[in-house]
All heavy atoms as atom14 arrays in JSON, in Angstrom:
{
  "sequence": "MASTHGKALRQLAATGGLALAFAAPTLVLAASPAHGAGCGVWAETPV",
  "atom14_mask": [
    [1, 1, 1, 1, 1, 1, 1, 1, 0, 0, 0, 0, 0, 0],
    [1, 1, 1, 1, 1, 0, 0, 0, 0, 0, 0, 0, 0, 0],
    [1, 1, 1, 1, 1, 1, 0, 0, 0, 0, 0, 0, 0, 0],
    [1, 1, 1, 1, 1, 1, 1, 0, 0, 0, 0, 0, 0, 0],
    [1, 1, 1, 1, 1, 1, 1, 1, 1, 1, 0, 0, 0, 0],
    [1, 1, 1, 1, 0, 0, 0, 0, 0, 0, 0, 0, 0, 0],
    [1, 1, 1, 1, 1, 1, 1, 1, 1, 0, 0, 0, 0, 0],
    [1, 1, 1, 1, 1, 0, 0, 0, 0, 0, 0, 0, 0, 0],
    [1, 1, 1, 1, 1, 1, 1, 1, 0, 0, 0, 0, 0, 0],
    [1, 1, 1, 1, 1, 1, 1, 1, 1, 1, 1, 0, 0, 0],
    [1, 1, 1, 1, 1, 1, 1, 1, 1, 0, 0, 0, 0, 0],
    [1, 1, 1, 1, 1, 1, 1, 1, 0, 0, 0, 0, 0, 0],
    [1, 1, 1, 1, 1, 0, 0, 0, 0, 0, 0, 0, 0, 0],
    [1, 1, 1, 1, 1, 0, 0, 0, 0, 0, 0, 0, 0, 0],
    [1, 1, 1, 1, 1, 1, 1, 0, 0, 0, 0, 0, 0, 0],
    [1, 1, 1, 1, 0, 0, 0, 0, 0, 0, 0, 0, 0, 0],
    [1, 1, 1, 1, 0, 0, 0, 0, 0, 0, 0, 0, 0, 0],
    [1, 1, 1, 1, 1, 1, 1, 1, 0, 0, 0, 0, 0, 0],
    [1, 1, 1, 1, 1, 0, 0, 0, 0, 0, 0, 0, 0, 0],
    [1, 1, 1, 1, 1, 1, 1, 1, 0, 0, 0, 0, 0, 0],
    [1, 1, 1, 1, 1, 0, 0, 0, 0, 0, 0, 0, 0, 0],
    [1, 1, 1, 1, 1, 1, 1, 1, 1, 1, 1, 0, 0, 0],
    [1, 1, 1, 1, 1, 0, 0, 0, 0, 0, 0, 0, 0, 0],
    [1, 1, 1, 1, 1, 0, 0, 0, 0, 0, 0, 0, 0, 0],
    [1, 1, 1, 1, 1, 1, 1, 0, 0, 0, 0, 0, 0, 0],
    [1, 1, 1, 1, 1, 1, 1, 0, 0, 0, 0, 0, 0, 0],
    [1, 1, 1, 1, 1, 1, 1, 1, 0, 0, 0, 0, 0, 0],
    [1, 1, 1, 1, 1, 1, 1, 0, 0, 0, 0, 0, 0, 0],
    [1, 1, 1, 1, 1, 1, 1, 1, 0, 0, 0, 0, 0, 0],
    [1, 1, 1, 1, 1, 0, 0, 0, 0, 0, 0, 0, 0, 0],
    [1, 1, 1, 1, 1, 0, 0, 0, 0, 0, 0, 0, 0, 0],
    [1, 1, 1, 1, 1, 1, 0, 0, 0, 0, 0, 0, 0, 0],
    [1, 1, 1, 1, 1, 1, 1, 0, 0, 0, 0, 0, 0, 0],
    [1, 1, 1, 1, 1, 0, 0, 0, 0, 0, 0, 0, 0, 0],
    [1, 1, 1, 1, 1, 1, 1, 1, 1, 1, 0, 0, 0, 0],
    [1, 1, 1, 1, 0, 0, 0, 0, 0, 0, 0, 0, 0, 0],
    [1, 1, 1, 1, 1, 0, 0, 0, 0, 0, 0, 0, 0, 0],
    [1, 1, 1, 1, 0, 0, 0, 0, 0, 0, 0, 0, 0, 0],
    [1, 1, 1, 1, 1, 1, 0, 0, 0, 0, 0, 0, 0, 0],
    [1, 1, 1, 1, 0, 0, 0, 0, 0, 0, 0, 0, 0, 0],
    [1, 1, 1, 1, 1, 1, 1, 0, 0, 0, 0, 0, 0, 0],
    [1, 1, 1, 1, 1, 1, 1, 1, 1, 1, 1, 1, 1, 1],
    [1, 1, 1, 1, 1, 0, 0, 0, 0, 0, 0, 0, 0, 0],
    [1, 1, 1, 1, 1, 1, 1, 1, 1, 0, 0, 0, 0, 0],
    [1, 1, 1, 1, 1, 1, 1, 0, 0, 0, 0, 0, 0, 0],
    [1, 1, 1, 1, 1, 1, 1, 0, 0, 0, 0, 0, 0, 0],
    [1, 1, 1, 1, 1, 1, 1, 0, 0, 0, 0, 0, 0, 0]
  ],
  "atom14_positions": [
    [[65.93, 31.89, 58.68], [65.37, 30.57, 58.75], [66.25, 29.67, 59.57], [67.4, 29.49, 59.24], [65.17, 30.06, 57.31], [64.7, 28.64, 57.35], [64.72, 27.84, 55.71], [63.48, 28.76, 54.89], [0.0, 0.0, 0.0], [0.0, 0.0, 0.0], [0.0, 0.0, 0.0], [0.0, 0.0, 0.0], [0.0, 0.0, 0.0], [0.0, 0.0, 0.0]],
    [[65.8, 29.06, 60.61], [66.6, 28.24, 61.48], [66.47, 26.8, 61.03], [65.38, 26.36, 60.61], [66.13, 28.37, 62.92], [0.0, 0.0, 0.0], [0.0, 0.0, 0.0], [0.0, 0.0, 0.0], [0.0, 0.0, 0.0], [0.0, 0.0, 0.0], [0.0, 0.0, 0.0], [0.0, 0.0, 0.0], [0.0, 0.0, 0.0], [0.0, 0.0, 0.0]],
    [[67.53, 26.04, 61.17], [67.45, 24.61, 60.76], [67.26, 23.73, 61.94], [67.54, 24.14, 63.09], [68.76, 24.26, 60.07], [69.78, 24.17, 61.0], [0.0, 0.0, 0.0], [0.0, 0.0, 0.0], [0.0, 0.0, 0.0], [0.0, 0.0, 0.0], [0.0, 0.0, 0.0], [0.0, 0.0, 0.0], [0.0, 0.0, 0.0], [0.0, 0.0, 0.0]],
    [[66.78, 22.48, 61.71], [66.64, 21.54, 62.76], [68.0, 21.16, 63.39], [68.1, 21.06, 64.57], [66.02, 20.3, 62.25], [64.83, 20.62, 61.48], [65.59, 19.34, 63.29], [0.0, 0.0, 0.0], [0.0, 0.0, 0.0], [0.0, 0.0, 0.0], [0.0, 0.0, 0.0], [0.0, 0.0, 0.0], [0.0, 0.0, 0.0], [0.0, 0.0, 0.0]],
    [[69.07, 21.11, 62.55], [70.4, 20.73, 63.15], [70.81, 21.81, 64.07], [71.42, 21.45, 65.09], [71.35, 20.7, 61.98], [71.06, 19.54, 60.98], [71.04, 18.26, 61.3], [70.7, 19.63, 59.7], [70.71, 17.53, 60.21], [70.49, 18.3, 59.26], [0.0, 0.0, 0.0], [0.0, 0.0, 0.0], [0.0, 0.0, 0.0], [0.0, 0.0, 0.0]],
    [[70.67, 23.04, 63.74], [71.11, 24.16, 64.6], [70.43, 24.14, 65.92], [71.03, 24.3, 66.98], [0.0, 0.0, 0.0], [0.0, 0.0, 0.0], [0.0, 0.0, 0.0], [0.0, 0.0, 0.0], [0.0, 0.0, 0.0], [0.0, 0.0, 0.0], [0.0, 0.0, 0.0], [0.0, 0.0, 0.0], [0.0, 0.0, 0.0], [0.0, 0.0, 0.0]],
    [[69.08, 23.86, 65.97], [68.39, 23.76, 67.22], [68.95, 22.66, 68.13], [69.07, 22.85, 69.33], [66.88, 23.59, 66.95], [66.23, 24.84, 66.4], [64.73, 24.53, 66.13], [63.95, 25.71, 65.64], [64.47, 26.66, 64.77], [0.0, 0.0, 0.0], [0.0, 0.0, 0.0], [0.0, 0.0, 0.0], [0.0, 0.0, 0.0], [0.0, 0.0, 0.0]],
    [[69.24, 21.49, 67.52], [69.81, 20.36, 68.27], [71.16, 20.7, 68.8], [71.5, 20.4, 69.99], [69.83, 19.15, 67.47], [0.0, 0.0, 0.0], [0.0, 0.0, 0.0], [0.0, 0.0, 0.0], [0.0, 0.0, 0.0], [0.0, 0.0, 0.0], [0.0, 0.0, 0.0], [0.0, 0.0, 0.0], [0.0, 0.0, 0.0], [0.0, 0.0, 0.0]],
    [[71.99, 21.44, 67.99], [73.32, 21.72, 68.43], [73.37, 22.8, 69.54], [74.26, 22.86, 70.39], [74.17, 22.22, 67.27], [74.43, 21.11, 66.23], [75.07, 21.71, 64.89], [75.32, 20.04, 66.8], [0.0, 0.0, 0.0], [0.0, 0.0, 0.0], [0.0, 0.0, 0.0], [0.0, 0.0, 0.0], [0.0, 0.0, 0.0], [0.0, 0.0, 0.0]],
    [[72.38, 23.68, 69.51], [72.31, 24.75, 70.53], [72.21, 24.17, 71.95], [72.74, 24.74, 72.91], [71.07, 25.64, 70.34], [71.44, 26.91, 69.59], [70.23, 27.87, 69.57], [69.0, 27.26, 69.01], [68.85, 26.91, 67.67], [69.8, 27.16, 66.86], [67.75, 26.4, 67.28], [0.0, 0.0, 0.0], [0.0, 0.0, 0.0], [0.0, 0.0, 0.0]],
    [[71.64, 22.98, 72.03], [71.51, 22.33, 73.36], [72.84, 21.93, 73.91], [73.03, 21.67, 75.09], [70.57, 21.17, 73.29], [69.17, 21.63, 72.93], [68.22, 20.38, 72.66], [68.61, 19.32, 72.78], [67.03, 20.76, 72.18], [0.0, 0.0, 0.0], [0.0, 0.0, 0.0], [0.0, 0.0, 0.0], [0.0, 0.0, 0.0], [0.0, 0.0, 0.0]],
    [[73.93, 21.74, 73.01], [75.16, 21.33, 73.44], [76.13, 22.44, 73.88], [77.17, 22.22, 74.44], [75.86, 20.63, 72.27], [75.15, 19.41, 71.7], [75.85, 18.87, 70.46], [75.07, 18.27, 72.72], [0.0, 0.0, 0.0], [0.0, 0.0, 0.0], [0.0, 0.0, 0.0], [0.0, 0.0, 0.0], [0.0, 0.0, 0.0], [0.0, 0.0, 0.0]],
    [[75.72, 23.69, 73.67], [76.58, 24.8, 73.85], [76.38, 25.43, 75.26], [75.43, 25.22, 75.91], [76.36, 25.87, 72.8], [0.0, 0.0, 0.0], [0.0, 0.0, 0.0], [0.0, 0.0, 0.0], [0.0, 0.0, 0.0], [0.0, 0.0, 0.0], [0.0, 0.0, 0.0], [0.0, 0.0, 0.0], [0.0, 0.0, 0.0], [0.0, 0.0, 0.0]],
    [[77.43, 26.26, 75.69], [77.38, 26.92, 77.0], [76.8, 28.29, 76.88], [76.26, 28.67, 75.87], [78.84, 26.94, 77.53], [0.0, 0.0, 0.0], [0.0, 0.0, 0.0], [0.0, 0.0, 0.0], [0.0, 0.0, 0.0], [0.0, 0.0, 0.0], [0.0, 0.0, 0.0], [0.0, 0.0, 0.0], [0.0, 0.0, 0.0], [0.0, 0.0, 0.0]],
    [[76.95, 29.2, 77.97], [76.37, 30.47, 78.01], [77.28, 31.58, 77.46], [78.53, 31.35, 77.33], [75.98, 30.9, 79.46], [77.16, 30.88, 80.27], [74.98, 29.94, 80.06], [0.0, 0.0, 0.0], [0.0, 0.0, 0.0], [0.0, 0.0, 0.0], [0.0, 0.0, 0.0], [0.0, 0.0, 0.0], [0.0, 0.0, 0.0], [0.0, 0.0, 0.0]],
    [[76.81, 32.82, 77.13], [77.62, 33.82, 76.48], [77.06, 35.24, 76.51], [76.21, 35.52, 77.25], [0.0, 0.0, 0.0], [0.0, 0.0, 0.0], [0.0, 0.0, 0.0], [0.0, 0.0, 0.0], [0.0, 0.0, 0.0], [0.0, 0.0, 0.0], [0.0, 0.0, 0.0], [0.0, 0.0, 0.0], [0.0, 0.0, 0.0], [0.0, 0.0, 0.0]],
    [[77.59, 36.12, 75.53], [77.28, 37.5, 75.45], [77.15, 38.19, 74.11], [76.2, 38.15, 73.48], [0.0, 0.0, 0.0], [0.0, 0.0, 0.0], [0.0, 0.0, 0.0], [0.0, 0.0, 0.0], [0.0, 0.0, 0.0], [0.0, 0.0, 0.0], [0.0, 0.0, 0.0], [0.0, 0.0, 0.0], [0.0, 0.0, 0.0], [0.0, 0.0, 0.0]],
    [[78.23, 38.84, 73.47], [78.18, 39.61, 72.26], [78.98, 39.04, 71.12], [79.67, 38.07, 71.21], [78.78, 40.99, 72.52], [77.83, 42.19, 72.86], [78.56, 43.41, 72.38], [76.5, 42.16, 72.5], [0.0, 0.0, 0.0], [0.0, 0.0, 0.0], [0.0, 0.0, 0.0], [0.0, 0.0, 0.0], [0.0, 0.0, 0.0], [0.0, 0.0, 0.0]],
    [[78.96, 39.71, 69.92], [79.65, 39.2, 68.71], [80.67, 40.26, 68.16], [80.62, 41.39, 68.54], [78.66, 38.81, 67.66], [0.0, 0.0, 0.0], [0.0, 0.0, 0.0], [0.0, 0.0, 0.0], [0.0, 0.0, 0.0], [0.0, 0.0, 0.0], [0.0, 0.0, 0.0], [0.0, 0.0, 0.0], [0.0, 0.0, 0.0], [0.0, 0.0, 0.0]],
    [[81.43, 39.79, 67.22], [82.38, 40.74, 66.52], [81.78, 41.27, 65.25], [80.7, 40.87, 64.83], [83.66, 39.94, 66.18], [84.45, 39.37, 67.4], [85.63, 38.56, 66.91], [84.94, 40.51, 68.23], [0.0, 0.0, 0.0], [0.0, 0.0, 0.0], [0.0, 0.0, 0.0], [0.0, 0.0, 0.0], [0.0, 0.0, 0.0], [0.0, 0.0, 0.0]],
    [[82.43, 42.16, 64.51], [81.95, 42.81, 63.34], [82.16, 42.05, 62.08], [82.73, 40.97, 62.08], [82.61, 44.21, 63.26], [0.0, 0.0, 0.0], [0.0, 0.0, 0.0], [0.0, 0.0, 0.0], [0.0, 0.0, 0.0], [0.0, 0.0, 0.0], [0.0, 0.0, 0.0], [0.0, 0.0, 0.0], [0.0, 0.0, 0.0], [0.0, 0.0, 0.0]],
    [[81.79, 42.68, 60.93], [81.81, 42.06, 59.6], [83.19, 42.12, 58.86], [83.96, 43.04, 59.12], [80.78, 42.78, 58.74], [80.71, 42.34, 57.36], [80.11, 41.15, 57.03], [81.29, 43.14, 56.33], [80.04, 40.78, 55.72], [81.21, 42.73, 54.99], [80.6, 41.56, 54.71], [0.0, 0.0, 0.0], [0.0, 0.0, 0.0], [0.0, 0.0, 0.0]],
    [[83.51, 41.12, 58.1], [84.75, 41.11, 57.34], [84.43, 40.77, 55.85], [83.34, 40.3, 55.56], [85.69, 40.05, 57.87], [0.0, 0.0, 0.0], [0.0, 0.0, 0.0], [0.0, 0.0, 0.0], [0.0, 0.0, 0.0], [0.0, 0.0, 0.0], [0.0, 0.0, 0.0], [0.0, 0.0, 0.0], [0.0, 0.0, 0.0], [0.0, 0.0, 0.0]],
    [[85.35, 41.07, 54.95], [85.15, 40.88, 53.48], [85.0, 39.43, 53.07], [85.57, 38.58, 53.74], [86.19, 41.56, 52.73], [0.0, 0.0, 0.0], [0.0, 0.0, 0.0], [0.0, 0.0, 0.0], [0.0, 0.0, 0.0], [0.0, 0.0, 0.0], [0.0, 0.0, 0.0], [0.0, 0.0, 0.0], [0.0, 0.0, 0.0], [0.0, 0.0, 0.0]],
    [[84.27, 39.12, 52.03], [84.16, 37.74, 51.57], [85.39, 37.25, 50.97], [86.2, 37.93, 50.44], [82.98, 37.82, 50.54], [83.01, 39.18, 50.1], [83.48, 40.02, 51.22], [0.0, 0.0, 0.0], [0.0, 0.0, 0.0], [0.0, 0.0, 0.0], [0.0, 0.0, 0.0], [0.0, 0.0, 0.0], [0.0, 0.0, 0.0], [0.0, 0.0, 0.0]],
    [[85.58, 35.92, 50.96], [86.62, 35.23, 50.25], [86.17, 34.88, 48.86], [85.09, 34.35, 48.73], [87.09, 33.97, 50.99], [87.5, 34.35, 52.31], [88.19, 33.23, 50.29], [0.0, 0.0, 0.0], [0.0, 0.0, 0.0], [0.0, 0.0, 0.0], [0.0, 0.0, 0.0], [0.0, 0.0, 0.0], [0.0, 0.0, 0.0], [0.0, 0.0, 0.0]],
    [[86.98, 35.06, 47.81], [86.61, 34.81, 46.44], [87.65, 33.85, 45.84], [88.83, 34.12, 45.97], [86.54, 36.04, 45.6], [86.24, 35.83, 44.11], [84.81, 35.28, 43.91], [86.39, 37.16, 43.37], [0.0, 0.0, 0.0], [0.0, 0.0, 0.0], [0.0, 0.0, 0.0], [0.0, 0.0, 0.0], [0.0, 0.0, 0.0], [0.0, 0.0, 0.0]],
    [[87.17, 32.78, 45.23], [88.05, 31.83, 44.53], [87.6, 31.82, 43.05], [86.45, 31.54, 42.73], [87.97, 30.4, 45.11], [88.81, 29.46, 44.33], [88.42, 30.47, 46.55], [0.0, 0.0, 0.0], [0.0, 0.0, 0.0], [0.0, 0.0, 0.0], [0.0, 0.0, 0.0], [0.0, 0.0, 0.0], [0.0, 0.0, 0.0], [0.0, 0.0, 0.0]],
    [[88.53, 32.04, 42.16], [88.25, 32.05, 40.71], [88.69, 30.67, 40.11], [89.7, 30.18, 40.48], [88.96, 33.16, 39.95], [88.57, 34.55, 40.37], [89.35, 35.56, 39.61], [87.04, 34.76, 40.09], [0.0, 0.0, 0.0], [0.0, 0.0, 0.0], [0.0, 0.0, 0.0], [0.0, 0.0, 0.0], [0.0, 0.0, 0.0], [0.0, 0.0, 0.0]],
    [[87.81, 30.11, 39.32], [88.12, 28.84, 38.62], [88.02, 29.01, 37.17], [87.01, 29.43, 36.61], [87.14, 27.78, 39.13], [0.0, 0.0, 0.0], [0.0, 0.0, 0.0], [0.0, 0.0, 0.0], [0.0, 0.0, 0.0], [0.0, 0.0, 0.0], [0.0, 0.0, 0.0], [0.0, 0.0, 0.0], [0.0, 0.0, 0.0], [0.0, 0.0, 0.0]],
    [[89.1, 28.71, 36.45], [89.15, 28.91, 34.98], [89.28, 27.57, 34.26], [90.32, 27.14, 33.82], [90.34, 29.82, 34.59], [0.0, 0.0, 0.0], [0.0, 0.0, 0.0], [0.0, 0.0, 0.0], [0.0, 0.0, 0.0], [0.0, 0.0, 0.0], [0.0, 0.0, 0.0], [0.0, 0.0, 0.0], [0.0, 0.0, 0.0], [0.0, 0.0, 0.0]],
    [[88.2, 26.82, 34.26], [88.09, 25.58, 33.48], [87.14, 25.7, 32.37], [86.39, 26.68, 32.33], [87.69, 24.45, 34.46], [86.31, 24.59, 34.81], [0.0, 0.0, 0.0], [0.0, 0.0, 0.0], [0.0, 0.0, 0.0], [0.0, 0.0, 0.0], [0.0, 0.0, 0.0], [0.0, 0.0, 0.0], [0.0, 0.0, 0.0], [0.0, 0.0, 0.0]],
    [[87.08, 24.77, 31.42], [86.16, 24.91, 30.29], [84.7, 25.1, 30.75], [83.95, 25.81, 30.12], [86.33, 23.61, 29.57], [87.72, 23.16, 29.89], [87.95, 23.61, 31.35], [0.0, 0.0, 0.0], [0.0, 0.0, 0.0], [0.0, 0.0, 0.0], [0.0, 0.0, 0.0], [0.0, 0.0, 0.0], [0.0, 0.0, 0.0], [0.0, 0.0, 0.0]],
    [[84.31, 24.44, 31.85], [82.87, 24.59, 32.34], [82.63, 25.96, 32.93], [81.44, 26.38, 33.04], [82.64, 23.5, 33.36], [0.0, 0.0, 0.0], [0.0, 0.0, 0.0], [0.0, 0.0, 0.0], [0.0, 0.0, 0.0], [0.0, 0.0, 0.0], [0.0, 0.0, 0.0], [0.0, 0.0, 0.0], [0.0, 0.0, 0.0], [0.0, 0.0, 0.0]],
    [[83.7, 26.61, 33.33], [83.56, 27.94, 33.97], [84.01, 28.96, 32.94], [84.47, 28.65, 31.88], [84.42, 28.05, 35.24], [84.14, 27.03, 36.24], [82.95, 27.01, 36.98], [84.81, 25.96, 36.62], [82.95, 25.99, 37.81], [84.11, 25.27, 37.66], [0.0, 0.0, 0.0], [0.0, 0.0, 0.0], [0.0, 0.0, 0.0], [0.0, 0.0, 0.0]],
    [[83.87, 30.21, 33.28], [84.46, 31.25, 32.4], [85.72, 31.73, 33.05], [85.99, 31.37, 34.16], [0.0, 0.0, 0.0], [0.0, 0.0, 0.0], [0.0, 0.0, 0.0], [0.0, 0.0, 0.0], [0.0, 0.0, 0.0], [0.0, 0.0, 0.0], [0.0, 0.0, 0.0], [0.0, 0.0, 0.0], [0.0, 0.0, 0.0], [0.0, 0.0, 0.0]],
    [[86.44, 32.6, 32.34], [87.72, 33.1, 32.9], [87.49, 33.88, 34.16], [88.35, 33.86, 35.08], [88.42, 34.0, 31.83], [0.0, 0.0, 0.0], [0.0, 0.0, 0.0], [0.0, 0.0, 0.0], [0.0, 0.0, 0.0], [0.0, 0.0, 0.0], [0.0, 0.0, 0.0], [0.0, 0.0, 0.0], [0.0, 0.0, 0.0], [0.0, 0.0, 0.0]],
    [[86.35, 34.54, 34.34], [86.07, 35.36, 35.5], [85.13, 34.64, 36.45], [84.59, 35.23, 37.4], [0.0, 0.0, 0.0], [0.0, 0.0, 0.0], [0.0, 0.0, 0.0], [0.0, 0.0, 0.0], [0.0, 0.0, 0.0], [0.0, 0.0, 0.0], [0.0, 0.0, 0.0], [0.0, 0.0, 0.0], [0.0, 0.0, 0.0], [0.0, 0.0, 0.0]],
    [[84.89, 33.33, 36.24], [83.91, 32.56, 37.1], [84.58, 32.23, 38.39], [85.68, 31.78, 38.46], [83.51, 31.36, 36.36], [82.39, 30.29, 37.18], [0.0, 0.0, 0.0], [0.0, 0.0, 0.0], [0.0, 0.0, 0.0], [0.0, 0.0, 0.0], [0.0, 0.0, 0.0], [0.0, 0.0, 0.0], [0.0, 0.0, 0.0], [0.0, 0.0, 0.0]],
    [[83.81, 32.41, 39.5], [84.32, 32.06, 40.81], [83.22, 31.87, 41.82], [82.06, 32.29, 41.6], [0.0, 0.0, 0.0], [0.0, 0.0, 0.0], [0.0, 0.0, 0.0], [0.0, 0.0, 0.0], [0.0, 0.0, 0.0], [0.0, 0.0, 0.0], [0.0, 0.0, 0.0], [0.0, 0.0, 0.0], [0.0, 0.0, 0.0], [0.0, 0.0, 0.0]],
    [[83.58, 31.27, 42.93], [82.71, 31.1, 44.07], [83.19, 31.97, 45.19], [84.4, 32.3, 45.25], [82.57, 29.63, 44.5], [81.97, 28.81, 43.41], [83.9, 29.04, 44.96], [0.0, 0.0, 0.0], [0.0, 0.0, 0.0], [0.0, 0.0, 0.0], [0.0, 0.0, 0.0], [0.0, 0.0, 0.0], [0.0, 0.0, 0.0], [0.0, 0.0, 0.0]],
    [[82.32, 32.4, 46.1], [82.69, 33.28, 47.21], [81.92, 32.92, 48.41], [80.88, 32.25, 48.36], [82.46, 34.73, 46.8], [81.1, 35.03, 46.2], [80.7, 34.86, 44.92], [79.93, 35.44, 46.96], [79.34, 35.17, 44.82], [78.83, 35.48, 46.06], [79.65, 35.65, 48.3], [77.52, 35.86, 46.42], [78.36, 36.06, 48.64], [77.37, 36.15, 47.7]],
    [[82.47, 33.38, 49.54], [81.83, 33.09, 50.91], [82.07, 34.27, 51.78], [83.22, 34.64, 52.06], [82.43, 31.89, 51.49], [0.0, 0.0, 0.0], [0.0, 0.0, 0.0], [0.0, 0.0, 0.0], [0.0, 0.0, 0.0], [0.0, 0.0, 0.0], [0.0, 0.0, 0.0], [0.0, 0.0, 0.0], [0.0, 0.0, 0.0], [0.0, 0.0, 0.0]],
    [[81.03, 34.86, 52.27], [81.1, 36.04, 53.18], [81.42, 35.56, 54.59], [81.04, 34.42, 55.03], [79.83, 36.85, 53.29], [79.42, 37.54, 52.02], [78.09, 38.24, 52.18], [77.31, 37.93, 53.13], [77.77, 39.05, 51.28], [0.0, 0.0, 0.0], [0.0, 0.0, 0.0], [0.0, 0.0, 0.0], [0.0, 0.0, 0.0], [0.0, 0.0, 0.0]],
    [[82.05, 36.38, 55.41], [82.2, 36.04, 56.85], [80.88, 36.3, 57.48], [80.23, 37.31, 57.27], [83.32, 36.97, 57.49], [84.61, 36.69, 56.77], [83.46, 36.65, 58.99], [0.0, 0.0, 0.0], [0.0, 0.0, 0.0], [0.0, 0.0, 0.0], [0.0, 0.0, 0.0], [0.0, 0.0, 0.0], [0.0, 0.0, 0.0], [0.0, 0.0, 0.0]],
    [[80.37, 35.34, 58.33], [79.06, 35.47, 58.97], [78.98, 36.71, 59.81], [79.96, 37.2, 60.38], [78.95, 34.23, 59.79], [79.87, 33.25, 59.15], [80.97, 34.04, 58.62], [0.0, 0.0, 0.0], [0.0, 0.0, 0.0], [0.0, 0.0, 0.0], [0.0, 0.0, 0.0], [0.0, 0.0, 0.0], [0.0, 0.0, 0.0], [0.0, 0.0, 0.0]],
    [[77.74, 37.2, 59.95], [77.45, 38.38, 60.78], [76.43, 37.94, 61.81], [75.53, 37.16, 61.52], [76.81, 39.5, 59.9], [76.32, 40.67, 60.71], [77.85, 39.93, 58.79], [0.0, 0.0, 0.0], [0.0, 0.0, 0.0], [0.0, 0.0, 0.0], [0.0, 0.0, 0.0], [0.0, 0.0, 0.0], [0.0, 0.0, 0.0], [0.0, 0.0, 0.0]]
  ]
}
């Protein structure tokens, strides 16, 4: 699903070719009363 912001930003960019491969996600654990001991957020490297 493409966003309106991305379409506008594409007009600002130059020309190009290929991409790199996939990497593991980053995981951050948060142990506060609102979270659980194993509760965390994560972010994958884009593909």
